[in-house]
Amino acid sequence: MSRRRPSRRSVIALALFGFVLVATGVIARRTYGIGEARGLRELDRKRQALEAERVKLEGEIRDASSRARLAPIAEQRLNMHVPSPDQVIMLAPGRSSPRGTRTDSTPRR
């Protein structure tokens, strides 16, 4: 049996079909890439918005937990007050308590 050489027309048709197939693949890949880039931009926008919200909330927490904000609330709701200097007793660190007195609330046996 003898092999026939493909005709010139079929070689050109096959080359054109290959070109169309490759061009379709390139277009599909670019379309997919553009969609992914759009999604990444949207996620980055959301991340930046969440970071701004976190910074804002940390500032609000810092403000709400400051002594200037908590002292009036404690004085009002809990009937607490800042002691005057003559009510403050400073204990030296590392020294034991005087004889006969205990610093904890457990009774002596």
N, C-alpha and C. Protein backbone atom coordinates (compact mmCIF):
# COMPACT_ATOMS: atom_id res chain seq x y z
N MET A 1 0.83 -1.18 0.00
CA MET A 1 0.00 0.00 0.00
C MET A 1 0.87 1.24 0.00
N SER A 2 0.44 2.16 -0.70
CA SER A 2 1.20 3.41 -0.76
C SER A 2 0.47 4.48 0.03
N ARG A 3 1.24 5.32 0.66
CA ARG A 3 0.65 6.40 1.47
C ARG A 3 0.49 7.62 0.59
N ARG A 4 -0.66 8.25 0.76
CA ARG A 4 -0.90 9.50 0.02
C ARG A 4 -0.43 10.67 0.84
N ARG A 5 0.15 11.61 0.23
CA ARG A 5 0.52 12.84 0.91
C ARG A 5 -0.73 13.68 1.07
N PRO A 6 -0.86 14.33 2.24
CA PRO A 6 -2.04 15.19 2.41
C PRO A 6 -1.99 16.33 1.40
N SER A 7 -3.15 16.67 0.94
CA SER A 7 -3.21 17.75 -0.05
C SER A 7 -2.88 19.08 0.61
N ARG A 8 -2.49 20.00 -0.20
CA ARG A 8 -2.13 21.32 0.29
C ARG A 8 -3.32 22.00 0.96
N ARG A 9 -4.49 21.78 0.41
CA ARG A 9 -5.71 22.37 0.95
C ARG A 9 -5.99 21.85 2.37
N SER A 10 -5.80 20.57 2.61
CA SER A 10 -6.06 20.01 3.94
C SER A 10 -5.01 20.49 4.94
N VAL A 11 -3.77 20.70 4.53
CA VAL A 11 -2.73 21.23 5.43
C VAL A 11 -3.07 22.65 5.84
N ILE A 12 -3.52 23.46 4.89
CA ILE A 12 -3.89 24.84 5.21
C ILE A 12 -5.10 24.86 6.12
N ALA A 13 -6.10 24.00 5.85
CA ALA A 13 -7.30 23.93 6.70
C ALA A 13 -6.93 23.50 8.11
N LEU A 14 -6.02 22.52 8.23
CA LEU A 14 -5.58 22.06 9.55
C LEU A 14 -4.82 23.17 10.28
N ALA A 15 -3.98 23.90 9.58
CA ALA A 15 -3.24 25.01 10.19
C ALA A 15 -4.20 26.11 10.65
N LEU A 16 -5.20 26.43 9.83
CA LEU A 16 -6.19 27.45 10.22
C LEU A 16 -6.99 26.98 11.43
N PHE A 17 -7.36 25.71 11.45
CA PHE A 17 -8.10 25.17 12.59
C PHE A 17 -7.25 25.24 13.86
N GLY A 18 -5.97 24.92 13.75
CA GLY A 18 -5.07 25.03 14.89
C GLY A 18 -4.94 26.47 15.36
N PHE A 19 -4.82 27.40 14.43
CA PHE A 19 -4.72 28.81 14.80
C PHE A 19 -5.98 29.27 15.53
N VAL A 20 -7.16 28.89 15.00
CA VAL A 20 -8.42 29.27 15.64
C VAL A 20 -8.50 28.66 17.04
N LEU A 21 -8.06 27.42 17.19
CA LEU A 21 -8.09 26.75 18.49
C LEU A 21 -7.18 27.47 19.48
N VAL A 22 -5.96 27.82 19.07
CA VAL A 22 -5.03 28.52 19.95
C VAL A 22 -5.56 29.91 20.28
N ALA A 23 -6.10 30.63 19.29
CA ALA A 23 -6.63 31.97 19.53
C ALA A 23 -7.81 31.91 20.50
N THR A 24 -8.67 30.90 20.36
CA THR A 24 -9.80 30.74 21.29
C THR A 24 -9.30 30.49 22.70
N GLY A 25 -8.26 29.67 22.84
CA GLY A 25 -7.68 29.41 24.16
C GLY A 25 -7.10 30.67 24.78
N VAL A 26 -6.41 31.48 23.98
CA VAL A 26 -5.82 32.73 24.48
C VAL A 26 -6.92 33.68 24.93
N ILE A 27 -7.97 33.82 24.12
CA ILE A 27 -9.07 34.72 24.47
C ILE A 27 -9.77 34.25 25.74
N ALA A 28 -10.00 32.93 25.85
CA ALA A 28 -10.65 32.39 27.05
C ALA A 28 -9.79 32.63 28.29
N ARG A 29 -8.47 32.43 28.15
CA ARG A 29 -7.57 32.64 29.29
C ARG A 29 -7.56 34.11 29.72
N ARG A 30 -7.54 35.02 28.76
CA ARG A 30 -7.55 36.45 29.09
C ARG A 30 -8.86 36.85 29.74
N THR A 31 -9.97 36.32 29.23
CA THR A 31 -11.28 36.62 29.82
C THR A 31 -11.33 36.14 31.27
N TYR A 32 -10.84 34.93 31.50
CA TYR A 32 -10.79 34.39 32.86
C TYR A 32 -9.90 35.26 33.74
N GLY A 33 -8.75 35.67 33.22
CA GLY A 33 -7.82 36.51 33.98
C GLY A 33 -8.42 37.85 34.35
N ILE A 34 -9.16 38.44 33.41
CA ILE A 34 -9.80 39.74 33.69
C ILE A 34 -10.84 39.59 34.79
N GLY A 35 -11.60 38.50 34.75
CA GLY A 35 -12.59 38.25 35.81
C GLY A 35 -11.94 38.04 37.16
N GLU A 36 -10.85 37.29 37.17
CA GLU A 36 -10.12 37.07 38.43
C GLU A 36 -9.52 38.37 38.96
N ALA A 37 -8.99 39.20 38.07
CA ALA A 37 -8.42 40.49 38.50
C ALA A 37 -9.50 41.37 39.10
N ARG A 38 -10.68 41.35 38.51
CA ARG A 38 -11.80 42.13 39.04
C ARG A 38 -12.17 41.62 40.44
N GLY A 39 -12.20 40.30 40.60
CA GLY A 39 -12.49 39.72 41.92
C GLY A 39 -11.43 40.09 42.95
N LEU A 40 -10.16 40.07 42.54
CA LEU A 40 -9.08 40.44 43.46
C LEU A 40 -9.17 41.91 43.88
N ARG A 41 -9.51 42.78 42.93
CA ARG A 41 -9.69 44.20 43.28
C ARG A 41 -10.82 44.37 44.28
N GLU A 42 -11.91 43.64 44.08
CA GLU A 42 -13.05 43.74 45.01
C GLU A 42 -12.66 43.22 46.40
N LEU A 43 -11.94 42.11 46.46
CA LEU A 43 -11.49 41.59 47.75
C LEU A 43 -10.52 42.55 48.43
N ASP A 44 -9.64 43.19 47.66
CA ASP A 44 -8.71 44.15 48.24
C ASP A 44 -9.47 45.36 48.79
N ARG A 45 -10.50 45.79 48.06
CA ARG A 45 -11.33 46.90 48.55
C ARG A 45 -12.00 46.53 49.87
N LYS A 46 -12.52 45.31 49.95
CA LYS A 46 -13.17 44.85 51.19
C LYS A 46 -12.15 44.77 52.33
N ARG A 47 -10.93 44.27 52.02
CA ARG A 47 -9.90 44.16 53.05
C ARG A 47 -9.53 45.53 53.60
N GLN A 48 -9.38 46.51 52.71
CA GLN A 48 -9.05 47.86 53.16
C GLN A 48 -10.17 48.45 54.01
N ALA A 49 -11.43 48.18 53.62
CA ALA A 49 -12.56 48.68 54.41
C ALA A 49 -12.58 48.02 55.79
N LEU A 50 -12.29 46.72 55.85
CA LEU A 50 -12.27 46.02 57.14
C LEU A 50 -11.11 46.50 58.01
N GLU A 51 -9.96 46.78 57.41
CA GLU A 51 -8.84 47.30 58.19
C GLU A 51 -9.17 48.68 58.75
N ALA A 52 -9.83 49.52 57.97
CA ALA A 52 -10.23 50.84 58.45
C ALA A 52 -11.24 50.69 59.59
N GLU A 53 -12.15 49.75 59.46
CA GLU A 53 -13.14 49.50 60.53
C GLU A 53 -12.44 49.00 61.79
N ARG A 54 -11.44 48.13 61.63
CA ARG A 54 -10.70 47.61 62.79
C ARG A 54 -9.98 48.74 63.51
N VAL A 55 -9.34 49.62 62.75
CA VAL A 55 -8.62 50.75 63.37
C VAL A 55 -9.61 51.65 64.11
N LYS A 56 -10.77 51.88 63.50
CA LYS A 56 -11.79 52.71 64.14
C LYS A 56 -12.29 52.07 65.44
N LEU A 57 -12.54 50.75 65.40
CA LEU A 57 -13.02 50.06 66.59
C LEU A 57 -11.96 50.00 67.68
N GLU A 58 -10.69 49.82 67.30
CA GLU A 58 -9.62 49.83 68.31
C GLU A 58 -9.54 51.20 68.98
N GLY A 59 -9.73 52.25 68.23
CA GLY A 59 -9.74 53.59 68.81
C GLY A 59 -10.90 53.78 69.76
N GLU A 60 -12.07 53.28 69.37
CA GLU A 60 -13.24 53.38 70.25
C GLU A 60 -13.04 52.57 71.53
N ILE A 61 -12.42 51.39 71.41
CA ILE A 61 -12.15 50.57 72.60
C ILE A 61 -11.16 51.29 73.51
N ARG A 62 -10.11 51.87 72.90
CA ARG A 62 -9.13 52.61 73.69
C ARG A 62 -9.79 53.79 74.42
N ASP A 63 -10.66 54.50 73.72
CA ASP A 63 -11.35 55.62 74.35
C ASP A 63 -12.29 55.16 75.46
N ALA A 64 -13.03 54.07 75.19
CA ALA A 64 -14.01 53.58 76.17
C ALA A 64 -13.34 52.99 77.40
N SER A 65 -12.13 52.47 77.27
CA SER A 65 -11.47 51.84 78.41
C SER A 65 -10.46 52.77 79.10
N SER A 66 -10.44 54.03 78.72
CA SER A 66 -9.51 54.95 79.36
C SER A 66 -9.99 55.30 80.76
N ARG A 67 -9.05 55.67 81.59
CA ARG A 67 -9.38 56.01 82.98
C ARG A 67 -10.31 57.22 83.04
N ALA A 68 -10.11 58.17 82.14
CA ALA A 68 -10.95 59.37 82.14
C ALA A 68 -12.41 59.02 81.86
N ARG A 69 -12.63 57.97 81.08
CA ARG A 69 -14.00 57.57 80.74
C ARG A 69 -14.58 56.64 81.81
N LEU A 70 -13.74 55.75 82.36
CA LEU A 70 -14.24 54.77 83.33
C LEU A 70 -14.41 55.33 84.74
N ALA A 71 -13.59 56.30 85.13
CA ALA A 71 -13.65 56.83 86.50
C ALA A 71 -15.03 57.42 86.82
N PRO A 72 -15.61 58.27 85.98
CA PRO A 72 -16.94 58.79 86.32
C PRO A 72 -18.02 57.70 86.36
N ILE A 73 -17.91 56.71 85.50
CA ILE A 73 -18.89 55.62 85.50
C ILE A 73 -18.76 54.81 86.78
N ALA A 74 -17.52 54.50 87.18
CA ALA A 74 -17.31 53.74 88.42
C ALA A 74 -17.79 54.53 89.63
N GLU A 75 -17.51 55.83 89.65
CA GLU A 75 -17.97 56.65 90.77
C GLU A 75 -19.48 56.69 90.84
N GLN A 76 -20.13 56.79 89.70
CA GLN A 76 -21.58 56.92 89.67
C GLN A 76 -22.29 55.59 89.93
N ARG A 77 -21.95 54.56 89.20
CA ARG A 77 -22.69 53.30 89.30
C ARG A 77 -22.27 52.45 90.49
N LEU A 78 -20.99 52.47 90.83
CA LEU A 78 -20.49 51.58 91.88
C LEU A 78 -20.19 52.30 93.19
N ASN A 79 -20.47 53.57 93.23
CA ASN A 79 -20.18 54.39 94.41
C ASN A 79 -18.71 54.25 94.82
N MET A 80 -17.85 54.29 93.85
CA MET A 80 -16.41 54.22 94.11
C MET A 80 -15.83 55.62 93.99
N HIS A 81 -14.67 55.82 94.58
CA HIS A 81 -14.01 57.09 94.45
C HIS A 81 -12.49 56.89 94.48
N VAL A 82 -11.78 57.86 93.98
CA VAL A 82 -10.32 57.82 94.04
C VAL A 82 -9.93 58.22 95.46
N PRO A 83 -9.13 57.41 96.14
CA PRO A 83 -8.80 57.72 97.53
C PRO A 83 -7.91 58.95 97.64
N SER A 84 -8.09 59.63 98.74
CA SER A 84 -7.22 60.78 99.01
C SER A 84 -5.84 60.25 99.42
N PRO A 85 -4.85 61.09 99.33
CA PRO A 85 -3.48 60.61 99.66
C PRO A 85 -3.34 60.06 101.08
N ASP A 86 -4.10 60.56 102.05
CA ASP A 86 -3.96 60.04 103.41
C ASP A 86 -4.65 58.68 103.57
N GLN A 87 -5.45 58.24 102.58
CA GLN A 87 -6.10 56.94 102.64
C GLN A 87 -5.25 55.85 101.96
N VAL A 88 -4.19 56.23 101.30
CA VAL A 88 -3.36 55.28 100.58
C VAL A 88 -2.23 54.80 101.48
N ILE A 89 -2.05 53.49 101.58
CA ILE A 89 -0.96 52.90 102.36
C ILE A 89 -0.03 52.20 101.38
N MET A 90 1.19 52.62 101.35
CA MET A 90 2.16 52.03 100.44
C MET A 90 2.92 50.94 101.18
N LEU A 91 2.96 49.75 100.64
CA LEU A 91 3.69 48.63 101.22
C LEU A 91 4.99 48.45 100.44
N ALA A 92 6.07 48.22 101.18
CA ALA A 92 7.36 48.00 100.53
C ALA A 92 7.37 46.59 99.96
N PRO A 93 7.85 46.39 98.78
CA PRO A 93 7.88 45.05 98.20
C PRO A 93 8.91 44.17 98.89
N GLY A 94 8.58 42.90 99.07
CA GLY A 94 9.53 41.93 99.62
C GLY A 94 9.60 41.90 101.13
N ARG A 95 8.89 42.74 101.81
CA ARG A 95 8.93 42.72 103.28
C ARG A 95 7.77 41.89 103.79
N SER A 96 8.00 41.18 104.87
CA SER A 96 6.92 40.36 105.45
C SER A 96 6.03 41.26 106.31
N SER A 97 4.83 40.75 106.58
CA SER A 97 3.87 41.52 107.38
C SER A 97 4.29 41.51 108.85
N PRO A 98 3.84 42.49 109.62
CA PRO A 98 4.19 42.53 111.05
C PRO A 98 3.69 41.27 111.76
N ARG A 99 4.33 40.96 112.93
CA ARG A 99 3.97 39.75 113.66
C ARG A 99 2.52 39.78 114.08
N GLY A 100 1.88 38.61 113.94
CA GLY A 100 0.50 38.49 114.42
C GLY A 100 -0.53 38.90 113.38
N THR A 101 -0.15 39.53 112.34
CA THR A 101 -1.13 39.91 111.32
C THR A 101 -0.89 39.08 110.07
N ARG A 102 -1.97 38.77 109.38
CA ARG A 102 -1.88 38.00 108.15
C ARG A 102 -2.44 38.85 107.01
N THR A 103 -1.83 38.68 105.85
CA THR A 103 -2.29 39.46 104.71
C THR A 103 -3.41 38.76 103.96
N ASP A 104 -3.53 37.44 104.12
CA ASP A 104 -4.63 36.74 103.43
C ASP A 104 -5.82 36.59 104.37
N SER A 105 -6.93 36.14 103.85
CA SER A 105 -8.15 36.07 104.64
C SER A 105 -8.38 34.71 105.27
N THR A 106 -7.41 33.78 105.13
CA THR A 106 -7.59 32.45 105.73
C THR A 106 -7.30 32.53 107.23
N PRO A 107 -8.14 31.89 108.04
CA PRO A 107 -7.91 31.95 109.50
C PRO A 107 -6.70 31.10 109.90
N ARG A 108 -6.07 31.50 111.01
CA ARG A 108 -4.91 30.80 111.53
C ARG A 108 -5.35 29.59 112.32
N ARG A 109 -4.60 28.50 112.22
CA ARG A 109 -4.99 27.29 112.98
C ARG A 109 -3.93 26.91 113.95
